[in-house]
């Protein structure tokens, strides 16, 4: 039996430390080794025993989380998951944390309805387990007990894209003059997507992206990319057109689907259940691309843990799309691309620095 993932929780709130401990301890693959109220206490604990993963608050007394993260990454790199309240104001800071070497972001759990806590708890555990498998890179380089009398409810069942839309129809689909690119990413994806989008020219094909990220943070992520890239980047809104030189990022907490109107494409942003344990789900976007774009689509699956996107990518290929997977050497976590490759849905496997070139080559052939 594999050893459990040992987690160190760092948060100045006693209630958050207690709730996170309860949520994480409920997963048999995770063990909370300690909980610290500030980075100084945590540093002393790390000297005694090195955790597999750290969950780190942003705002704390004595030393803020970003400063501690930078010191940690410079001296003793450990996978870090930033833990934040669900606020728009803090989203820019969290993006700085991802650039400084944090693996992912989770939203602080709040005691509430059992179903809601079960859903958020499941996602927190998934992020921690993905972080434990992440291959860390230097920042800037090219990775079950509830409190007595309290119930967290059972985790929701793992749904497929059938929960949002039916499978693609069979039969040939007319070619259009424009291709549309659909991209899925998770753990390590924020930095990988930045590298991909910064390599694209202003006339690149229209693109729709699902990056697993909590709601409110995707808008800040899109704004940051928009300031760095030649292409225009924004958080997707219902009805937005998919245009050459424009990139739409699915909003956290909602599914984003590709739809076709004549020879043009737009997106539909919808509420719905978790699909493949995510919302937004890559499988939902990819299935919608298979249904609406077929051979006019290009699928790209990038770094991330789990299998979200694998089935949808196979459906895209069966509908005539050309699909690209990021290779293992350049992935922080080679989970999602590996599953898509194993299912037979991938046409080309390339390094991160070659994905933009592949997309532009396909565009030139169209």
Foldseek 3Di string as FASTA:
>chain_A
DDAAFEEEEEALDPVLQVLLQALQVLDPRHHHPYYHNHLVVVVVVCVVPNGQEYEAEQDHPPDGRQVSLLVCLVPPDHAYEYEEAPDLVCLLVVVVSVLQWHFYYAYRDDDDDLQVQLLSSVVVNQSRVQSSLFDTDHRPDLAHDDPVPDHNDHRDDAAALVQPPDFADDDADDAALAAEEEEEEEGVVLVLVLLLQQPAAQQFFFYEYEYFHAASNVQVSQVVSCVRHNARGGAADAFAWRGGSYYYYDGHQWEKEWADDPRTIGIGTGHGDAHQSGHHFLLNHLRRCLRHPQLRYEYEYEADAGAGNQVSLQSSVSSNHAYEYEDPVSHRHCHHSVSNVVVPSHDYYYHSNCPNVVSVVVSVVD
